[in-house]
Amino acid sequence: MAITEQIQDDVKTAMKAGDRERLTVLRMLVAELQKDAKEGAGDELAVLRRERKRRLESATAFRDGGRDDLADGEAAEAEIVSTYLPAEMSDDDLRTLVTAAIAEAGATSPKDMGAVMKIAVAKSGGNADGKKLSALVREQLA
């Protein structure tokens, strides 16, 4: 079952259960997924990652502004979006992947970070947090 279909089924379930917060997030996801499909991209996981990232960034901004109430809401929305994403790679797996990417790229200095990141992102299959991946590459090249 495609992710969009799963979310649409979950919208119905949330409606029946009266779960307004979850329903709002799921409706937003359906709209974003449909918009993406209409534009021809059709990469459901990329849409979900983008929406989760937006929520997490908003939560951080709200916390920095002293609005913990709004930050908690954004974090809760990000958590709902995360349930539809595949599990991210563990730190040990990321370290192994980065080491292999550095060897494949023949990287020796931080100047080679772009080439290493290109390989590492491709090998991760989108199951790695970009910030973590970048930090690990930077750490190992330093």
N, C-alpha and C. Protein backbone atom coordinates (compact mmCIF):
# COMPACT_ATOMS: atom_id res chain seq x y z
N MET A 1 0.84 -1.17 0.00
CA MET A 1 0.00 0.00 0.00
C MET A 1 0.89 1.24 0.00
N ALA A 2 0.57 2.17 -0.85
CA ALA A 2 1.33 3.41 -0.94
C ALA A 2 1.13 4.24 0.33
N ILE A 3 2.08 5.08 0.60
CA ILE A 3 2.03 5.90 1.80
C ILE A 3 0.79 6.80 1.79
N THR A 4 0.48 7.36 0.63
CA THR A 4 -0.69 8.25 0.53
C THR A 4 -1.96 7.50 0.90
N GLU A 5 -2.10 6.28 0.41
CA GLU A 5 -3.29 5.49 0.72
C GLU A 5 -3.35 5.17 2.20
N GLN A 6 -2.21 4.85 2.79
CA GLN A 6 -2.16 4.55 4.23
C GLN A 6 -2.60 5.77 5.04
N ILE A 7 -2.09 6.93 4.66
CA ILE A 7 -2.45 8.16 5.38
C ILE A 7 -3.93 8.46 5.21
N GLN A 8 -4.47 8.25 4.01
CA GLN A 8 -5.90 8.48 3.79
C GLN A 8 -6.74 7.55 4.66
N ASP A 9 -6.31 6.31 4.80
CA ASP A 9 -7.02 5.39 5.70
C ASP A 9 -6.93 5.86 7.15
N ASP A 10 -5.76 6.37 7.52
CA ASP A 10 -5.57 6.87 8.89
C ASP A 10 -6.39 8.13 9.15
N VAL A 11 -6.65 8.92 8.09
CA VAL A 11 -7.52 10.09 8.22
C VAL A 11 -8.91 9.64 8.64
N LYS A 12 -9.41 8.60 7.98
CA LYS A 12 -10.74 8.08 8.31
C LYS A 12 -10.78 7.58 9.76
N THR A 13 -9.72 6.87 10.15
CA THR A 13 -9.65 6.35 11.52
C THR A 13 -9.61 7.49 12.53
N ALA A 14 -8.83 8.52 12.25
CA ALA A 14 -8.73 9.67 13.16
C ALA A 14 -10.07 10.41 13.25
N MET A 15 -10.78 10.47 12.13
CA MET A 15 -12.09 11.12 12.14
C MET A 15 -13.05 10.36 13.04
N LYS A 16 -13.06 9.04 12.90
CA LYS A 16 -13.95 8.22 13.71
C LYS A 16 -13.60 8.30 15.19
N ALA A 17 -12.30 8.40 15.47
CA ALA A 17 -11.84 8.45 16.87
C ALA A 17 -11.97 9.85 17.48
N GLY A 18 -12.19 10.86 16.64
CA GLY A 18 -12.31 12.22 17.13
C GLY A 18 -10.98 12.84 17.51
N ASP A 19 -9.91 12.34 16.94
CA ASP A 19 -8.56 12.83 17.24
C ASP A 19 -8.25 14.01 16.32
N ARG A 20 -8.60 15.21 16.75
CA ARG A 20 -8.49 16.40 15.90
C ARG A 20 -7.05 16.76 15.55
N GLU A 21 -6.15 16.66 16.52
CA GLU A 21 -4.76 17.04 16.26
C GLU A 21 -4.15 16.15 15.18
N ARG A 22 -4.32 14.85 15.34
CA ARG A 22 -3.79 13.90 14.36
C ARG A 22 -4.46 14.10 13.00
N LEU A 23 -5.76 14.33 13.02
CA LEU A 23 -6.52 14.53 11.79
C LEU A 23 -5.99 15.73 11.01
N THR A 24 -5.71 16.81 11.70
CA THR A 24 -5.20 18.02 11.05
C THR A 24 -3.87 17.74 10.35
N VAL A 25 -2.98 17.05 11.05
CA VAL A 25 -1.66 16.74 10.48
C VAL A 25 -1.81 15.80 9.29
N LEU A 26 -2.64 14.80 9.41
CA LEU A 26 -2.82 13.83 8.33
C LEU A 26 -3.43 14.48 7.09
N ARG A 27 -4.38 15.38 7.29
CA ARG A 27 -4.97 16.09 6.15
C ARG A 27 -3.93 16.95 5.44
N MET A 28 -3.07 17.60 6.23
CA MET A 28 -1.99 18.40 5.64
C MET A 28 -1.06 17.51 4.82
N LEU A 29 -0.75 16.32 5.36
CA LEU A 29 0.14 15.40 4.63
C LEU A 29 -0.50 14.93 3.32
N VAL A 30 -1.77 14.60 3.37
CA VAL A 30 -2.47 14.17 2.15
C VAL A 30 -2.41 15.29 1.11
N ALA A 31 -2.67 16.52 1.53
CA ALA A 31 -2.65 17.65 0.60
C ALA A 31 -1.26 17.83 0.00
N GLU A 32 -0.23 17.75 0.82
CA GLU A 32 1.14 17.91 0.32
C GLU A 32 1.53 16.78 -0.63
N LEU A 33 1.12 15.55 -0.29
CA LEU A 33 1.43 14.41 -1.15
C LEU A 33 0.70 14.51 -2.48
N GLN A 34 -0.54 14.95 -2.45
CA GLN A 34 -1.30 15.10 -3.69
C GLN A 34 -0.71 16.22 -4.54
N LYS A 35 -0.31 17.30 -3.91
CA LYS A 35 0.30 18.42 -4.64
C LYS A 35 1.61 17.96 -5.30
N ASP A 36 2.39 17.19 -4.57
CA ASP A 36 3.65 16.68 -5.11
C ASP A 36 3.40 15.74 -6.29
N ALA A 37 2.41 14.87 -6.16
CA ALA A 37 2.08 13.95 -7.25
C ALA A 37 1.59 14.70 -8.47
N LYS A 38 0.83 15.76 -8.25
CA LYS A 38 0.31 16.58 -9.35
C LYS A 38 1.43 17.28 -10.10
N GLU A 39 2.46 17.69 -9.34
CA GLU A 39 3.61 18.36 -9.95
C GLU A 39 4.51 17.38 -10.68
N GLY A 40 4.27 16.09 -10.49
CA GLY A 40 5.02 15.08 -11.23
C GLY A 40 6.20 14.50 -10.50
N ALA A 41 6.52 14.98 -9.32
CA ALA A 41 7.68 14.45 -8.60
C ALA A 41 7.37 13.06 -8.07
N GLY A 42 6.30 12.93 -7.33
CA GLY A 42 5.85 11.62 -6.87
C GLY A 42 6.75 10.94 -5.86
N ASP A 43 7.64 11.66 -5.20
CA ASP A 43 8.51 11.06 -4.19
C ASP A 43 7.89 11.29 -2.82
N GLU A 44 7.11 10.31 -2.37
CA GLU A 44 6.37 10.45 -1.13
C GLU A 44 7.29 10.62 0.08
N LEU A 45 8.38 9.85 0.11
CA LEU A 45 9.30 9.94 1.25
C LEU A 45 9.95 11.31 1.35
N ALA A 46 10.27 11.89 0.21
CA ALA A 46 10.88 13.22 0.22
C ALA A 46 9.90 14.25 0.78
N VAL A 47 8.62 14.12 0.43
CA VAL A 47 7.60 15.04 0.95
C VAL A 47 7.50 14.88 2.47
N LEU A 48 7.47 13.65 2.94
CA LEU A 48 7.36 13.41 4.38
C LEU A 48 8.58 13.94 5.13
N ARG A 49 9.76 13.73 4.57
CA ARG A 49 10.98 14.25 5.20
C ARG A 49 10.95 15.77 5.25
N ARG A 50 10.53 16.39 4.17
CA ARG A 50 10.46 17.84 4.11
C ARG A 50 9.49 18.39 5.16
N GLU A 51 8.33 17.77 5.28
CA GLU A 51 7.33 18.23 6.24
C GLU A 51 7.81 18.02 7.68
N ARG A 52 8.47 16.89 7.93
CA ARG A 52 9.01 16.67 9.28
C ARG A 52 10.07 17.71 9.59
N LYS A 53 10.93 17.98 8.63
CA LYS A 53 11.99 18.96 8.83
C LYS A 53 11.40 20.34 9.12
N ARG A 54 10.37 20.72 8.40
CA ARG A 54 9.70 22.01 8.64
C ARG A 54 9.18 22.09 10.07
N ARG A 55 8.56 21.03 10.53
CA ARG A 55 8.01 21.02 11.88
C ARG A 55 9.11 21.11 12.93
N LEU A 56 10.18 20.38 12.72
CA LEU A 56 11.29 20.40 13.69
C LEU A 56 11.96 21.77 13.73
N GLU A 57 12.12 22.38 12.56
CA GLU A 57 12.72 23.72 12.52
C GLU A 57 11.81 24.75 13.18
N SER A 58 10.52 24.61 12.97
CA SER A 58 9.56 25.52 13.61
C SER A 58 9.60 25.34 15.12
N ALA A 59 9.67 24.11 15.57
CA ALA A 59 9.72 23.85 17.01
C ALA A 59 10.96 24.50 17.62
N THR A 60 12.09 24.39 16.93
CA THR A 60 13.32 25.01 17.42
C THR A 60 13.18 26.52 17.47
N ALA A 61 12.60 27.10 16.43
CA ALA A 61 12.41 28.55 16.39
C ALA A 61 11.48 29.02 17.51
N PHE A 62 10.41 28.27 17.75
CA PHE A 62 9.49 28.64 18.81
C PHE A 62 10.16 28.53 20.19
N ARG A 63 10.95 27.48 20.38
CA ARG A 63 11.66 27.33 21.66
C ARG A 63 12.63 28.49 21.87
N ASP A 64 13.33 28.86 20.82
CA ASP A 64 14.27 29.98 20.90
C ASP A 64 13.55 31.28 21.23
N GLY A 65 12.30 31.39 20.79
CA GLY A 65 11.51 32.59 21.03
C GLY A 65 10.74 32.53 22.34
N GLY A 66 10.94 31.47 23.10
CA GLY A 66 10.27 31.36 24.39
C GLY A 66 8.82 30.91 24.31
N ARG A 67 8.44 30.32 23.20
CA ARG A 67 7.06 29.85 23.03
C ARG A 67 7.02 28.32 23.07
N ASP A 68 7.25 27.78 24.26
CA ASP A 68 7.29 26.32 24.42
C ASP A 68 5.97 25.65 24.08
N ASP A 69 4.85 26.34 24.29
CA ASP A 69 3.55 25.77 23.97
C ASP A 69 3.43 25.47 22.48
N LEU A 70 3.84 26.43 21.66
CA LEU A 70 3.80 26.23 20.21
C LEU A 70 4.85 25.23 19.76
N ALA A 71 6.00 25.25 20.40
CA ALA A 71 7.08 24.31 20.07
C ALA A 71 6.65 22.87 20.32
N ASP A 72 5.95 22.65 21.42
CA ASP A 72 5.47 21.31 21.73
C ASP A 72 4.49 20.81 20.67
N GLY A 73 3.64 21.70 20.19
CA GLY A 73 2.69 21.34 19.14
C GLY A 73 3.39 20.96 17.85
N GLU A 74 4.40 21.73 17.47
CA GLU A 74 5.16 21.43 16.25
C GLU A 74 5.92 20.11 16.40
N ALA A 75 6.49 19.88 17.58
CA ALA A 75 7.22 18.63 17.82
C ALA A 75 6.28 17.44 17.75
N ALA A 76 5.07 17.60 18.26
CA ALA A 76 4.07 16.52 18.20
C ALA A 76 3.68 16.23 16.75
N GLU A 77 3.54 17.28 15.95
CA GLU A 77 3.24 17.09 14.53
C GLU A 77 4.38 16.37 13.82
N ALA A 78 5.61 16.74 14.14
CA ALA A 78 6.78 16.08 13.53
C ALA A 78 6.79 14.60 13.89
N GLU A 79 6.39 14.29 15.11
CA GLU A 79 6.36 12.89 15.55
C GLU A 79 5.32 12.09 14.75
N ILE A 80 4.18 12.70 14.48
CA ILE A 80 3.15 12.03 13.68
C ILE A 80 3.67 11.78 12.27
N VAL A 81 4.32 12.76 11.68
CA VAL A 81 4.88 12.60 10.33
C VAL A 81 5.94 11.50 10.34
N SER A 82 6.74 11.43 11.39
CA SER A 82 7.82 10.45 11.49
C SER A 82 7.31 9.01 11.47
N THR A 83 6.08 8.80 11.90
CA THR A 83 5.56 7.43 11.94
C THR A 83 5.42 6.83 10.55
N TYR A 84 5.39 7.67 9.53
CA TYR A 84 5.25 7.19 8.15
C TYR A 84 6.59 7.06 7.42
N LEU A 85 7.65 7.45 8.08
CA LEU A 85 8.99 7.36 7.48
C LEU A 85 9.68 6.08 7.92
N PRO A 86 10.55 5.53 7.07
CA PRO A 86 11.32 4.36 7.50
C PRO A 86 12.28 4.75 8.62
N ALA A 87 12.67 3.78 9.41
CA ALA A 87 13.58 4.04 10.52
C ALA A 87 14.92 4.56 10.00
N GLU A 88 15.48 5.53 10.72
CA GLU A 88 16.77 6.08 10.32
C GLU A 88 17.88 5.13 10.73
N MET A 89 19.01 5.27 10.06
CA MET A 89 20.16 4.42 10.34
C MET A 89 20.73 4.75 11.72
N SER A 90 21.28 3.73 12.37
CA SER A 90 21.90 3.95 13.68
C SER A 90 23.22 4.70 13.51
N ASP A 91 23.74 5.24 14.60
CA ASP A 91 25.00 5.98 14.55
C ASP A 91 26.16 5.08 14.10
N ASP A 92 26.16 3.83 14.55
CA ASP A 92 27.23 2.91 14.15
C ASP A 92 27.18 2.64 12.64
N ASP A 93 25.96 2.43 12.13
CA ASP A 93 25.81 2.20 10.69
C ASP A 93 26.23 3.43 9.90
N LEU A 94 25.90 4.62 10.42
CA LEU A 94 26.30 5.85 9.75
C LEU A 94 27.82 6.00 9.71
N ARG A 95 28.47 5.68 10.82
CA ARG A 95 29.94 5.76 10.86
C ARG A 95 30.57 4.82 9.83
N THR A 96 30.05 3.62 9.74
CA THR A 96 30.54 2.64 8.77
C THR A 96 30.33 3.15 7.35
N LEU A 97 29.15 3.69 7.10
CA LEU A 97 28.82 4.22 5.78
C LEU A 97 29.74 5.39 5.42
N VAL A 98 29.99 6.29 6.36
CA VAL A 98 30.85 7.45 6.10
C VAL A 98 32.28 7.00 5.83
N THR A 99 32.76 6.04 6.60
CA THR A 99 34.11 5.52 6.38
C THR A 99 34.24 4.93 4.99
N ALA A 100 33.24 4.17 4.56
CA ALA A 100 33.26 3.58 3.23
C ALA A 100 33.18 4.67 2.15
N ALA A 101 32.37 5.69 2.38
CA ALA A 101 32.24 6.78 1.40
C ALA A 101 33.55 7.55 1.27
N ILE A 102 34.24 7.77 2.38
CA ILE A 102 35.52 8.47 2.35
C ILE A 102 36.54 7.66 1.56
N ALA A 103 36.55 6.35 1.79
CA ALA A 103 37.49 5.48 1.07
C ALA A 103 37.17 5.47 -0.42
N GLU A 104 35.88 5.39 -0.75
CA GLU A 104 35.48 5.36 -2.16
C GLU A 104 35.82 6.66 -2.88
N ALA A 105 35.65 7.77 -2.17
CA ALA A 105 35.94 9.07 -2.78
C ALA A 105 37.43 9.38 -2.78
N GLY A 106 38.19 8.64 -1.99
CA GLY A 106 39.62 8.92 -1.88
C GLY A 106 39.87 10.25 -1.19
N ALA A 107 38.98 10.61 -0.29
CA ALA A 107 39.06 11.91 0.38
C ALA A 107 40.15 11.91 1.44
N THR A 108 40.82 13.04 1.54
CA THR A 108 41.90 13.18 2.53
C THR A 108 41.78 14.44 3.37
N SER A 109 40.95 15.39 2.94
CA SER A 109 40.85 16.64 3.67
C SER A 109 39.40 17.14 3.64
N PRO A 110 39.09 18.12 4.47
CA PRO A 110 37.73 18.68 4.48
C PRO A 110 37.31 19.27 3.13
N LYS A 111 38.26 19.56 2.27
CA LYS A 111 37.92 20.07 0.95
C LYS A 111 37.14 19.05 0.12
N ASP A 112 37.31 17.78 0.46
CA ASP A 112 36.66 16.70 -0.29
C ASP A 112 35.27 16.36 0.26
N MET A 113 34.76 17.17 1.17
CA MET A 113 33.50 16.86 1.83
C MET A 113 32.34 16.71 0.85
N GLY A 114 32.28 17.54 -0.15
CA GLY A 114 31.19 17.47 -1.12
C GLY A 114 31.12 16.12 -1.82
N ALA A 115 32.26 15.62 -2.25
CA ALA A 115 32.30 14.33 -2.94
C ALA A 115 31.90 13.20 -1.99
N VAL A 116 32.35 13.28 -0.76
CA VAL A 116 32.02 12.25 0.23
C VAL A 116 30.53 12.28 0.55
N MET A 117 29.99 13.48 0.73
CA MET A 117 28.56 13.61 1.04
C MET A 117 27.70 13.06 -0.09
N LYS A 118 28.10 13.31 -1.31
CA LYS A 118 27.34 12.82 -2.46
C LYS A 118 27.25 11.29 -2.41
N ILE A 119 28.36 10.65 -2.15
CA ILE A 119 28.39 9.19 -2.08
C ILE A 119 27.63 8.69 -0.86
N ALA A 120 27.83 9.33 0.28
CA ALA A 120 27.19 8.90 1.53
C ALA A 120 25.67 9.02 1.46
N VAL A 121 25.18 10.11 0.90
CA VAL A 121 23.74 10.30 0.78
C VAL A 121 23.14 9.24 -0.15
N ALA A 122 23.85 8.96 -1.25
CA ALA A 122 23.36 7.94 -2.18
C ALA A 122 23.33 6.57 -1.51
N LYS A 123 24.37 6.25 -0.75
CA LYS A 123 24.44 4.94 -0.09
C LYS A 123 23.42 4.80 1.04
N SER A 124 23.07 5.91 1.67
CA SER A 124 22.13 5.85 2.79
C SER A 124 20.71 5.58 2.32
N GLY A 125 20.44 5.85 1.06
CA GLY A 125 19.11 5.62 0.53
C GLY A 125 18.06 6.52 1.16
N GLY A 126 18.50 7.65 1.68
CA GLY A 126 17.56 8.58 2.29
C GLY A 126 17.17 8.22 3.71
N ASN A 127 17.83 7.22 4.29
CA ASN A 127 17.49 6.80 5.65
C ASN A 127 18.44 7.38 6.69
N ALA A 128 19.07 8.49 6.36
CA ALA A 128 19.99 9.12 7.29
C ALA A 128 19.66 10.61 7.41
N ASP A 129 19.80 11.12 8.60
CA ASP A 129 19.61 12.55 8.84
C ASP A 129 20.79 13.29 8.23
N GLY A 130 20.52 14.25 7.38
CA GLY A 130 21.57 14.99 6.68
C GLY A 130 22.53 15.70 7.61
N LYS A 131 22.00 16.26 8.71
CA LYS A 131 22.87 16.97 9.65
C LYS A 131 23.83 16.01 10.34
N LYS A 132 23.31 14.85 10.76
CA LYS A 132 24.17 13.86 11.40
C LYS A 132 25.24 13.38 10.43
N LEU A 133 24.82 13.11 9.21
CA LEU A 133 25.73 12.61 8.19
C LEU A 133 26.82 13.64 7.92
N SER A 134 26.44 14.88 7.78
CA SER A 134 27.40 15.95 7.54
C SER A 134 28.39 16.09 8.69
N ALA A 135 27.88 16.00 9.91
CA ALA A 135 28.75 16.13 11.09
C ALA A 135 29.74 14.98 11.15
N LEU A 136 29.30 13.77 10.83
CA LEU A 136 30.20 12.62 10.85
C LEU A 136 31.26 12.72 9.78
N VAL A 137 30.88 13.18 8.59
CA VAL A 137 31.87 13.34 7.51
C VAL A 137 32.88 14.39 7.92
N ARG A 138 32.41 15.51 8.42
CA ARG A 138 33.30 16.60 8.85
C ARG A 138 34.27 16.11 9.93
N GLU A 139 33.73 15.33 10.88
CA GLU A 139 34.54 14.81 11.99
C GLU A 139 35.63 13.87 11.49
N GLN A 140 35.26 12.98 10.56
CA GLN A 140 36.25 12.01 10.08
C GLN A 140 37.26 12.62 9.12
N LEU A 141 36.90 13.69 8.45
CA LEU A 141 37.84 14.32 7.53
C LEU A 141 38.76 15.31 8.24
N ALA A 142 38.41 15.72 9.43
CA ALA A 142 39.22 16.71 10.15
C ALA A 142 40.51 16.10 10.69
